[in-house]
């Protein structure tokens, strides 16, 4: 993987420019990739349904991270499992564990 040190005047870069996608990983590293051409992809019914479930899981995780009592629980779980709290919340949603309704 190539490494780039940008001019200090550029603090952050993200988004799509031409055929390239710039993003920052959760570790803080800047990443550059070729933008995929998804124009000819036909999603199957199962893929569309999974994308909907994932959308709901992300909505749950955002709400969980915005709720201080629940966030503390996920932060503790994340520390124990060496993961990020948001990812733990998404995983819990898929496993059917809803900490928001238990409070």
Protein backbone atom coordinates (compact mmCIF):
# COMPACT_ATOMS: atom_id res chain seq x y z
CA UNK A 1 0.00 0.00 0.00
CA UNK A 2 1.34 3.40 -0.92
CA UNK A 3 1.69 6.00 1.81
CA UNK A 4 1.18 9.70 1.20
CA UNK A 5 2.04 12.65 3.40
CA UNK A 6 -0.17 15.53 2.39
CA UNK A 7 0.63 19.19 2.62
CA UNK A 8 -0.12 20.40 6.19
CA UNK A 9 -2.64 22.90 4.78
CA UNK A 10 -4.88 19.94 3.91
CA UNK A 11 -6.30 18.85 7.25
CA UNK A 12 -8.85 16.30 5.97
CA UNK A 13 -9.92 14.83 2.69
CA UNK A 14 -12.91 12.57 2.04
CA UNK A 15 -15.50 11.87 -0.60
CA UNK A 16 -15.43 11.08 -4.27
CA UNK A 17 -13.35 12.96 -6.81
CA UNK A 18 -13.44 11.70 -10.36
CA UNK A 19 -12.99 7.95 -10.26
CA UNK A 20 -11.38 7.93 -6.80
CA UNK A 21 -12.82 7.68 -3.29
CA UNK A 22 -11.01 9.25 -0.34
CA UNK A 23 -11.91 8.10 3.15
CA UNK A 24 -10.52 7.91 6.65
CA UNK A 25 -10.55 4.56 8.44
CA UNK A 26 -11.56 4.17 12.08
CA UNK A 27 -7.86 4.07 12.95
CA UNK A 28 -7.40 7.54 11.45
CA UNK A 29 -5.52 6.46 8.34
CA UNK A 30 -6.40 8.17 5.07
CA UNK A 31 -7.35 5.71 2.34
CA UNK A 32 -7.68 6.13 -1.39
CA UNK A 33 -9.47 3.63 -3.62
CA UNK A 34 -10.87 3.38 -7.11
CA UNK A 35 -14.61 4.08 -7.02
CA UNK A 36 -16.56 0.95 -7.91
CA UNK A 37 -18.88 1.05 -10.92
CA UNK A 38 -22.17 -0.26 -9.54
CA UNK A 39 -24.31 0.98 -12.44
CA UNK A 40 -24.86 -2.48 -13.92
CA UNK A 41 -25.42 -4.38 -10.66
CA UNK A 42 -28.80 -6.02 -10.15
CA UNK A 43 -29.43 -6.60 -6.45
CA UNK A 44 -31.27 -9.81 -5.56
CA UNK A 45 -34.32 -9.75 -3.28
CA UNK A 46 -32.25 -11.20 -0.41
CA UNK A 47 -29.57 -8.52 -0.88
CA UNK A 48 -32.18 -5.75 -0.83
CA UNK A 49 -33.73 -7.19 2.33
CA UNK A 50 -30.33 -7.47 4.03
CA UNK A 51 -29.51 -3.87 3.12
CA UNK A 52 -32.78 -2.81 4.76
CA UNK A 53 -31.95 -4.81 7.91
CA UNK A 54 -28.49 -3.24 7.99
CA UNK A 55 -30.04 0.22 7.65
CA UNK A 56 -32.23 -0.56 10.68
CA UNK A 57 -29.21 -1.88 12.59
CA UNK A 58 -27.29 1.34 11.96
CA UNK A 59 -30.29 3.41 13.08
CA UNK A 60 -30.45 1.32 16.28
CA UNK A 61 -26.70 1.76 16.88
CA UNK A 62 -26.91 5.54 16.41
CA UNK A 63 -29.76 5.75 18.90
CA UNK A 64 -27.90 3.50 21.33
CA UNK A 65 -24.76 5.66 21.12
CA UNK A 66 -26.89 8.77 21.78
CA UNK A 67 -28.37 7.20 24.95
CA UNK A 68 -25.80 7.68 27.75
CA UNK A 69 -26.86 4.66 29.85
CA UNK A 70 -26.75 2.29 26.88
CA UNK A 71 -23.54 3.79 25.48
CA UNK A 72 -21.73 2.97 28.74
CA UNK A 73 -22.78 -0.67 28.42
CA UNK A 74 -21.56 -0.87 24.81
CA UNK A 75 -18.28 0.84 25.69
CA UNK A 76 -17.64 -1.76 28.38
CA UNK A 77 -18.56 -4.60 26.00
CA UNK A 78 -16.35 -3.12 23.28
CA UNK A 79 -13.36 -2.91 25.62
CA UNK A 80 -13.78 -6.55 26.61
CA UNK A 81 -14.09 -7.71 22.97
CA UNK A 82 -11.50 -5.32 21.46
CA UNK A 83 -14.08 -3.75 19.16
CA UNK A 84 -15.78 -0.38 18.73
CA UNK A 85 -18.98 0.37 20.69
CA UNK A 86 -20.92 1.22 17.52
CA UNK A 87 -19.97 -2.11 15.95
CA UNK A 88 -21.06 -3.94 19.10
CA UNK A 89 -24.47 -2.23 18.89
CA UNK A 90 -24.90 -3.21 15.22
CA UNK A 91 -23.96 -6.79 16.09
CA UNK A 92 -26.43 -6.85 18.99
CA UNK A 93 -29.22 -5.67 16.70
CA UNK A 94 -28.60 -8.58 14.33
CA UNK A 95 -28.52 -10.99 17.26
CA UNK A 96 -31.87 -9.68 18.50
CA UNK A 97 -30.47 -8.04 21.66
CA UNK A 98 -32.12 -4.66 22.05
CA UNK A 99 -30.71 -2.78 25.06
CA UNK A 100 -32.85 0.29 24.34
CA UNK A 101 -36.14 -1.42 25.16
CA UNK A 102 -34.76 -2.98 28.35
CA UNK A 103 -34.28 0.47 29.95
